[in-house]
Each structure stands twice: as C-alpha cells, then as structure tokens.
Amino acid sequence: MNLYDRKYAQFSLCNEMFQTCEIVRNFDQSKAEPFASLFKDKPQIFITGEGSSRLFPAQNLIHRTVKNPGSFLFLTESSSEAAEFNLNDFGVIGLSNSGRTKELVCLFDKLNQSFHPAFGSISANPVDAPVARHAKVNAVLDCGSEKAVAATKSVMEQALFLDAIAAKLNNKDLPDLQLFSHQLKTVLELSIPNEIIEIFSKATVINIAGRSNGVGAELALKANEITRKKSTFLPGTYALHGIEEVMDASEVLLIIDPFPEEEAKFHKVIAEGVGVKIVAIAARETSFPTIRIPFGGFYHHYLELATGWNLLVEIGLALGIDLDKGLRARKIGNEV
C-alpha cells in the first residue's frame, strides 16, 4: 500500500491501517495500571468480546503467555458463552469497539447482579457507552472511531492494551514501541507481487492456516469483509487432517509462518493432491511463494496481521470492491 497513491488514499480502510503506526508509537502504557490494580489478586483473567475485538487481541496474548508463562493465566470465549460460566474466581476484561455490544452488556449485567468485584471494559467510544457504565474500571482507546466496516486500528490497540495489562501485572513494561511502529509501517508498505494478488483474486475460497495466536482467525474474518470471498481458518496442521476431502483446485491456502518440518506434507497433500495453490507470510524464505517480512520479536504476530491486511487490500482493489462498505456486514454486529 502507498497512501501517496489515490488508489489507496481514497479509502478510509487504508488510512486507518496506517494510523495504527502512530497509535502504537504514542501508546500510553500507564492506562493499563487501573486494570492491573483491579486484577492483582485474580491470577486467572477471562477476556471476552465478539468478532475482531476478541480474536486477535485475546488469542495473541494467550499464545504469548503459554509460550512464556508468567504469574497469570488468560482465557477467552465469546460473551454469550461466558455468561454460562462461573467467573467468580476470574478477573474479566470485556472488549467492545463500539461500547454497545449486546452480548457483552448482558454479561456485565449478570456480573453486577452477582456482585462480581473485578471486571473492566476497553472500548473506542466515550465512557458513557453502555459497556463502560456497567464496568468497575474502563478505558477508552486513543484510536478514535473507524469509518470502514472492517476494524483495523482498534484491533491493534486493543491487543496492545491487553499486552500492557499483562506486562503491568508482571511488573514489566512493553518492549520498544518506536521500533515496532517503524516495522509496522514497513510491512504495510510492502509491495505484494502481482502473481500472488492474481492467485487470491481468482480463488473461490481463501483458506488460512497458522498458529492459534489470533492472526489467522482475524485475517479469515477480514477476508470475508474486504474481499467478499468465503474464508476459513485452519489452525495448526488441521489442513492435513481431512479437509482436503472437500477442497478443490479453485481454492487457495495462505500459511502464516509455516512449520518448516511440515512444508513437504503441505506440498504433497494440498498442492499436489488437491491442486490448491499455497502462499506463505514469513520472516524467512519457505518452499512456497512467500511474502517476506522482518522479524518483529515481541510484536511479530502484529506484523503478520498487518501484512495480511496489506494483501487483502490488494485483493479487494483487484476485484473492484469498495473497501469501506460491506454489502451486509455492519460496523456493530449486535448492538444493544
């Protein structure tokens, strides 16, 4: 993407993606302190919300803390399902871009009725939004409202906010945000090869494989909204365990950071066995056509997500789609 080109600059979606760079550069980690204080005696923390508000922000943090365990356990599920759980021993964080998500408001109602002492909200709208009014503590993101249907900058800031809460709980600060901002801009400006754009533009279904860190699941949702193609997330090596039975050569598979030891099997089962073209996003060369990105360390999953945004924008433009407006999708999925 290149915002100096009207082809991109005319769309709020592209502008909002690039605004993410300044949002992370200027992120105020101290905003996480009230949450850390509220949860200091709750070693189990439950993160909830709907759609993009939960997929990447929560799963990214959970994946990180399982790989590098700390003093706190993080779990996640949707708000309606969470309302069926016993959350008495959990701190609860509710994420809602709009602050008006019906499922989350209903969950917070239930927590209030049971006199739950520790639940907070994070949204991009003012504190008088319904979700914030119900919470013990609340925070308003700095990203501001989004004009595009597909959420982007809010997702990144929500994820960064959760990472900041976890850091404060463990008496740490986030790593270098300036370098992160620079790398984020780098991957958003990557030039995606035309042959890769053409592969995805012609595909009937976009399958995305990768780790359960929220990147693949979030990109699958964004693919629906931005390219208007059916998309699905296949966690881990799920694609090698039976789904090839119903795949066909008109589909494409995007693998986020392939497991090196499984690349040959993907070639044999998916590429050769089904005829599906495979493309990768990775910080190294792979045996597939690869969109190369820098290694982002602590923030690497964010860079993978932003690279996927870049790819989806190019696909949408190649198909002549209005990137800002869905035909059916709404900015607030289920408003209270």
Protein backbone atom coordinates (compact mmCIF):
# COMPACT_ATOMS: atom_id res chain seq x y z
CA MET A 1 0.00 0.00 0.00
CA ASN A 2 1.04 3.55 -0.66
CA LEU A 3 -1.01 6.43 0.75
CA TYR A 4 0.59 8.82 -1.75
CA ASP A 5 -1.41 6.97 -4.40
CA ARG A 6 -5.10 7.90 -4.59
CA LYS A 7 -5.84 4.28 -5.43
CA TYR A 8 -5.31 3.61 -1.69
CA ALA A 9 -5.73 7.02 -0.08
CA GLN A 10 -9.37 7.35 -1.17
CA PHE A 11 -10.36 4.58 1.26
CA SER A 12 -10.79 5.07 4.99
CA LEU A 13 -9.72 1.45 5.48
CA CYS A 14 -6.22 2.09 4.13
CA ASN A 15 -5.85 5.33 6.08
CA GLU A 16 -6.97 3.63 9.29
CA MET A 17 -4.46 0.84 8.76
CA PHE A 18 -1.63 3.36 8.52
CA GLN A 19 -2.94 5.34 11.52
CA THR A 20 -2.06 2.25 13.54
CA CYS A 21 1.63 3.17 13.23
CA GLU A 22 1.17 6.40 15.19
CA ILE A 23 -1.24 4.77 17.64
CA VAL A 24 1.36 2.22 18.73
CA ARG A 25 4.19 4.79 18.68
CA ASN A 26 2.29 7.03 21.11
CA PHE A 27 0.65 4.31 23.20
CA ASP A 28 0.42 5.23 26.90
CA GLN A 29 1.21 2.12 28.92
CA SER A 30 0.08 3.77 32.15
CA LYS A 31 -3.56 3.42 31.00
CA ALA A 32 -3.25 -0.28 31.86
CA GLU A 33 -2.43 0.36 35.53
CA PRO A 34 -6.06 0.55 36.85
CA PHE A 35 -6.72 -2.86 35.30
CA ALA A 36 -3.56 -4.34 36.79
CA SER A 37 -4.56 -2.99 40.21
CA LEU A 38 -8.07 -4.43 39.89
CA PHE A 39 -6.78 -7.87 38.88
CA LYS A 40 -3.71 -8.16 41.13
CA ASP A 41 -5.48 -10.74 43.32
CA LYS A 42 -7.04 -12.58 40.37
CA PRO A 43 -4.40 -14.90 38.84
CA GLN A 44 -6.99 -16.08 36.31
CA ILE A 45 -8.24 -13.48 33.85
CA PHE A 46 -11.03 -14.05 31.35
CA ILE A 47 -11.05 -11.95 28.17
CA THR A 48 -14.30 -11.66 26.26
CA GLY A 49 -15.95 -9.79 23.40
CA GLU A 50 -17.22 -10.51 19.90
CA GLY A 51 -15.61 -10.70 16.46
CA SER A 52 -12.42 -8.75 15.90
CA SER A 53 -12.49 -7.33 19.41
CA ARG A 54 -11.58 -10.74 20.76
CA LEU A 55 -9.97 -12.82 18.02
CA PHE A 56 -6.53 -11.26 17.73
CA PRO A 57 -6.29 -9.28 21.00
CA ALA A 58 -7.12 -12.20 23.29
CA GLN A 59 -5.60 -15.08 21.33
CA ASN A 60 -2.35 -13.21 20.75
CA LEU A 61 -1.92 -12.66 24.50
CA ILE A 62 -2.90 -16.23 25.41
CA HIS A 63 -0.47 -17.68 22.86
CA ARG A 64 2.32 -15.48 24.19
CA THR A 65 1.73 -16.36 27.86
CA VAL A 66 1.53 -20.09 27.19
CA LYS A 67 4.90 -19.94 25.40
CA ASN A 68 6.38 -17.76 28.15
CA PRO A 69 4.41 -18.47 31.32
CA GLY A 70 4.05 -15.73 33.94
CA SER A 71 2.06 -15.44 37.14
CA PHE A 72 -1.31 -15.01 35.42
CA LEU A 73 -3.47 -17.35 33.32
CA PHE A 74 -5.54 -15.84 30.50
CA LEU A 75 -8.56 -17.50 28.88
CA THR A 76 -11.09 -16.31 26.31
CA GLU A 77 -14.53 -17.08 24.90
CA SER A 78 -17.47 -15.16 23.50
CA SER A 79 -19.64 -13.14 25.90
CA SER A 80 -22.79 -15.25 25.50
CA GLU A 81 -20.89 -18.41 26.33
CA ALA A 82 -19.05 -16.63 29.15
CA ALA A 83 -22.43 -15.82 30.72
CA GLU A 84 -22.88 -19.57 31.27
CA PHE A 85 -19.55 -19.88 33.12
CA ASN A 86 -18.73 -19.44 36.79
CA LEU A 87 -16.36 -16.46 36.65
CA ASN A 88 -16.24 -15.79 40.41
CA ASP A 89 -12.52 -16.55 40.60
CA PHE A 90 -11.64 -14.65 37.42
CA GLY A 91 -10.89 -11.08 36.63
CA VAL A 92 -12.88 -10.23 33.50
CA ILE A 93 -11.91 -7.92 30.64
CA GLY A 94 -14.62 -7.02 28.10
CA LEU A 95 -13.56 -5.68 24.71
CA SER A 96 -16.01 -3.73 22.53
CA ASN A 97 -15.00 -1.33 19.78
CA SER A 98 -18.40 0.39 19.88
CA GLY A 99 -19.04 0.06 23.60
CA ARG A 100 -22.54 -1.08 22.64
CA THR A 101 -22.12 -4.82 22.05
CA LYS A 102 -25.30 -6.53 23.28
CA GLU A 103 -23.67 -9.81 24.35
CA LEU A 104 -21.09 -8.02 26.48
CA VAL A 105 -23.62 -5.67 28.11
CA CYS A 106 -25.73 -8.72 29.08
CA LEU A 107 -22.68 -10.44 30.57
CA PHE A 108 -21.77 -7.34 32.58
CA ASP A 109 -25.37 -7.13 33.81
CA LYS A 110 -25.03 -10.67 35.14
CA LEU A 111 -21.68 -9.91 36.80
CA ASN A 112 -23.18 -6.86 38.50
CA GLN A 113 -26.13 -8.87 39.75
CA SER A 114 -23.77 -11.41 41.31
CA PHE A 115 -21.65 -8.61 42.87
CA HIS A 116 -18.56 -9.62 40.90
CA PRO A 117 -15.75 -7.33 42.14
CA ALA A 118 -13.32 -7.29 39.22
CA PHE A 119 -14.37 -6.66 35.65
CA GLY A 120 -13.43 -3.88 33.28
CA SER A 121 -14.13 -2.66 29.76
CA ILE A 122 -11.98 -1.39 26.91
CA SER A 123 -13.69 0.38 24.01
CA ALA A 124 -13.02 3.01 21.36
CA ASN A 125 -16.05 5.10 22.32
CA PRO A 126 -16.65 7.51 25.24
CA VAL A 127 -17.03 6.24 28.77
CA ASP A 128 -20.80 6.83 28.77
CA ALA A 129 -21.24 3.89 26.38
CA PRO A 130 -23.36 1.05 27.91
CA VAL A 131 -20.42 -1.34 28.34
CA ALA A 132 -18.38 1.27 30.24
CA ARG A 133 -21.28 2.20 32.53
CA HIS A 134 -21.54 -1.37 33.75
CA ALA A 135 -17.82 -1.94 34.40
CA LYS A 136 -15.75 -1.44 37.56
CA VAL A 137 -12.99 0.20 35.54
CA ASN A 138 -12.98 1.25 31.92
CA ALA A 139 -10.64 2.68 29.33
CA VAL A 140 -11.21 4.49 26.05
CA LEU A 141 -8.77 3.73 23.25
CA ASP A 142 -6.91 6.59 21.55
CA CYS A 143 -7.56 5.27 18.04
CA GLY A 144 -10.88 7.08 17.62
CA SER A 145 -13.81 5.85 15.57
CA GLU A 146 -13.39 3.89 12.35
CA LYS A 147 -15.26 4.73 9.15
CA ALA A 148 -14.53 1.44 7.40
CA VAL A 149 -16.68 -1.57 8.27
CA ALA A 150 -13.62 -3.76 8.82
CA ALA A 151 -11.97 -2.98 12.18
CA THR A 152 -8.20 -2.50 11.99
CA LYS A 153 -6.61 0.20 14.15
CA SER A 154 -8.95 -0.61 17.05
CA VAL A 155 -7.94 -4.29 16.92
CA MET A 156 -4.25 -3.41 17.14
CA GLU A 157 -4.74 -1.01 20.06
CA GLN A 158 -6.97 -3.48 21.92
CA ALA A 159 -4.25 -6.12 21.56
CA LEU A 160 -1.56 -3.68 22.68
CA PHE A 161 -3.70 -2.70 25.68
CA LEU A 162 -4.03 -6.35 26.74
CA ASP A 163 -0.29 -6.84 26.35
CA ALA A 164 0.23 -3.75 28.53
CA ILE A 165 -2.11 -5.12 31.23
CA ALA A 166 -0.20 -8.40 31.27
CA ALA A 167 3.11 -6.53 31.45
CA LYS A 168 1.91 -4.39 34.38
CA LEU A 169 0.63 -7.48 36.20
CA ASN A 170 4.12 -8.93 35.93
CA ASN A 171 5.82 -5.61 36.84
CA LYS A 172 7.23 -5.07 33.36
CA ASP A 173 6.95 -2.56 30.52
CA LEU A 174 6.29 -3.24 26.87
CA PRO A 175 9.33 -3.52 24.56
CA ASP A 176 10.37 -0.72 22.18
CA LEU A 177 7.23 0.80 20.65
CA GLN A 178 9.22 3.08 18.31
CA LEU A 179 10.84 0.15 16.51
CA PHE A 180 7.50 -1.65 16.42
CA SER A 181 5.88 1.38 14.78
CA HIS A 182 8.62 1.53 12.15
CA GLN A 183 8.33 -2.18 11.33
CA LEU A 184 4.55 -1.89 11.14
CA LYS A 185 4.83 0.84 8.51
CA THR A 186 7.37 -1.29 6.64
CA VAL A 187 5.03 -4.26 6.24
CA LEU A 188 2.04 -2.06 5.35
CA GLU A 189 4.11 -0.55 2.54
CA LEU A 190 5.38 -3.88 1.22
CA SER A 191 4.78 -4.35 -2.48
CA ILE A 192 2.81 -7.58 -2.94
CA PRO A 193 3.82 -9.39 -6.17
CA ASN A 194 1.12 -9.25 -8.86
CA GLU A 195 1.25 -13.01 -9.35
CA ILE A 196 0.29 -13.53 -5.70
CA ILE A 197 -2.55 -10.99 -5.91
CA GLU A 198 -3.82 -12.78 -9.02
CA ILE A 199 -3.81 -16.17 -7.26
CA PHE A 200 -6.06 -14.84 -4.49
CA SER A 201 -8.25 -12.77 -6.79
CA LYS A 202 -9.14 -15.84 -8.84
CA ALA A 203 -9.70 -18.14 -5.84
CA THR A 204 -13.21 -19.16 -4.83
CA VAL A 205 -12.24 -19.72 -1.17
CA ILE A 206 -9.39 -18.31 0.91
CA ASN A 207 -8.13 -20.83 3.46
CA ILE A 208 -5.72 -19.53 6.09
CA ALA A 209 -3.51 -21.82 8.17
CA GLY A 210 -1.28 -20.97 11.11
CA ARG A 211 -0.88 -20.95 14.85
CA SER A 212 -3.80 -20.20 17.15
CA ASN A 213 -2.42 -16.76 18.00
CA GLY A 214 -5.33 -14.83 16.51
CA VAL A 215 -3.60 -13.83 13.28
CA GLY A 216 -5.17 -16.45 11.01
CA ALA A 217 -8.62 -16.24 12.62
CA GLU A 218 -8.66 -12.45 12.37
CA LEU A 219 -7.45 -12.47 8.75
CA ALA A 220 -10.14 -15.00 7.84
CA LEU A 221 -12.77 -12.60 9.18
CA LYS A 222 -11.15 -9.66 7.39
CA ALA A 223 -11.02 -11.65 4.15
CA ASN A 224 -14.81 -12.03 4.31
CA GLU A 225 -15.29 -8.30 4.84
CA ILE A 226 -12.61 -6.92 2.50
CA THR A 227 -12.50 -9.40 -0.40
CA ARG A 228 -16.07 -10.76 -0.02
CA LYS A 229 -14.75 -14.25 -0.58
CA LYS A 230 -15.55 -17.15 1.69
CA SER A 231 -12.67 -17.68 4.08
CA THR A 232 -11.85 -20.10 6.84
CA PHE A 233 -9.10 -20.50 9.45
CA LEU A 234 -7.41 -23.89 9.73
CA PRO A 235 -5.39 -23.95 12.99
CA GLY A 236 -2.03 -25.65 13.19
CA THR A 237 -1.84 -28.50 10.66
CA TYR A 238 -5.61 -29.01 10.55
CA ALA A 239 -5.43 -28.70 6.76
CA LEU A 240 -3.59 -32.05 6.68
CA HIS A 241 -6.22 -33.94 8.67
CA GLY A 242 -9.17 -34.49 6.38
CA ILE A 243 -10.37 -31.16 4.98
CA GLU A 244 -8.55 -31.94 1.73
CA GLU A 245 -11.50 -34.25 1.01
CA VAL A 246 -13.72 -31.25 0.24
CA MET A 247 -11.14 -28.76 -1.08
CA ASP A 248 -10.69 -28.21 -4.81
CA ALA A 249 -8.17 -26.57 -7.10
CA SER A 250 -10.14 -23.31 -7.27
CA GLU A 251 -9.21 -22.52 -3.65
CA VAL A 252 -6.04 -21.00 -2.20
CA LEU A 253 -4.19 -21.62 1.07
CA LEU A 254 -2.33 -18.85 2.89
CA ILE A 255 0.01 -20.20 5.57
CA ILE A 256 1.22 -17.81 8.27
CA ASP A 257 4.78 -18.78 9.30
CA PRO A 258 4.70 -22.42 8.14
CA PHE A 259 6.10 -25.15 10.38
CA PRO A 260 9.32 -26.00 8.45
CA GLU A 261 9.03 -29.72 9.16
CA GLU A 262 5.52 -29.83 7.66
CA GLU A 263 6.10 -27.92 4.42
CA ALA A 264 6.74 -31.08 2.38
CA LYS A 265 3.48 -32.60 3.61
CA PHE A 266 1.53 -29.47 2.66
CA HIS A 267 3.04 -29.69 -0.82
CA LYS A 268 2.12 -33.37 -1.17
CA VAL A 269 -1.39 -33.31 0.33
CA ILE A 270 -2.68 -29.84 -0.58
CA ALA A 271 -0.69 -28.60 -3.58
CA GLU A 272 -0.17 -31.90 -5.42
CA GLY A 273 -3.07 -33.89 -4.02
CA VAL A 274 -5.76 -31.22 -4.46
CA GLY A 275 -4.18 -28.67 -6.79
CA VAL A 276 -4.58 -25.80 -4.33
CA LYS A 277 -2.00 -23.02 -4.66
CA ILE A 278 -0.15 -22.21 -1.44
CA VAL A 279 1.31 -18.84 -0.42
CA ALA A 280 3.14 -18.02 2.83
CA ILE A 281 3.78 -14.99 5.02
CA ALA A 282 7.01 -15.47 6.92
CA ALA A 283 10.22 -13.86 8.15
CA ARG A 284 12.21 -16.45 6.20
CA GLU A 285 12.16 -18.00 2.77
CA THR A 286 9.86 -21.01 2.56
CA SER A 287 9.27 -23.62 -0.12
CA PHE A 288 6.12 -21.70 -1.14
CA PRO A 289 5.80 -18.29 -2.81
CA THR A 290 6.49 -16.12 0.24
CA ILE A 291 5.69 -12.59 1.32
CA ARG A 292 8.85 -11.86 3.36
CA ILE A 293 8.60 -9.66 6.44
CA PRO A 294 11.10 -8.54 9.10
CA PHE A 295 11.16 -10.45 12.36
CA GLY A 296 9.26 -8.39 14.92
CA GLY A 297 10.29 -10.11 18.15
CA PHE A 298 7.65 -9.49 20.83
CA TYR A 299 5.41 -7.82 18.23
CA HIS A 300 5.91 -10.34 15.41
CA HIS A 301 2.28 -11.50 15.34
CA TYR A 302 1.17 -7.89 14.88
CA LEU A 303 3.42 -7.64 11.81
CA GLU A 304 1.96 -10.85 10.38
CA LEU A 305 -1.54 -9.42 10.82
CA ALA A 306 -0.65 -6.10 9.17
CA THR A 307 0.97 -7.93 6.24
CA GLY A 308 -2.26 -9.86 5.82
CA TRP A 309 -4.18 -6.55 5.79
CA ASN A 310 -1.90 -5.33 3.02
CA LEU A 311 -2.57 -8.46 0.96
CA LEU A 312 -6.35 -8.29 1.48
CA VAL A 313 -6.44 -4.64 0.37
CA GLU A 314 -4.65 -5.55 -2.87
CA ILE A 315 -7.08 -8.39 -3.49
CA GLY A 316 -10.09 -6.17 -2.82
CA LEU A 317 -8.80 -3.46 -5.16
CA ALA A 318 -8.06 -6.00 -7.89
CA LEU A 319 -11.69 -7.13 -7.62
CA GLY A 320 -13.05 -3.57 -7.76
CA ILE A 321 -14.55 -3.72 -4.26
CA ASP A 322 -15.45 -0.68 -2.15
CA LEU A 323 -13.13 -1.37 0.78
CA ASP A 324 -15.07 0.80 3.22
CA LYS A 325 -18.60 -0.51 2.83
CA GLY A 326 -19.86 -4.04 3.19
CA LEU A 327 -22.98 -5.21 1.39
CA ARG A 328 -24.35 -6.86 4.54
CA ALA A 329 -21.72 -6.55 7.26
CA ARG A 330 -22.33 -3.84 9.88
CA LYS A 331 -19.88 -1.90 11.99
CA ILE A 332 -21.64 -3.04 15.16
CA GLY A 333 -22.55 -6.68 14.78
CA ASN A 334 -25.21 -6.92 17.51
CA GLU A 335 -25.96 -3.57 19.10
CA VAL A 336 -27.66 -3.30 22.48
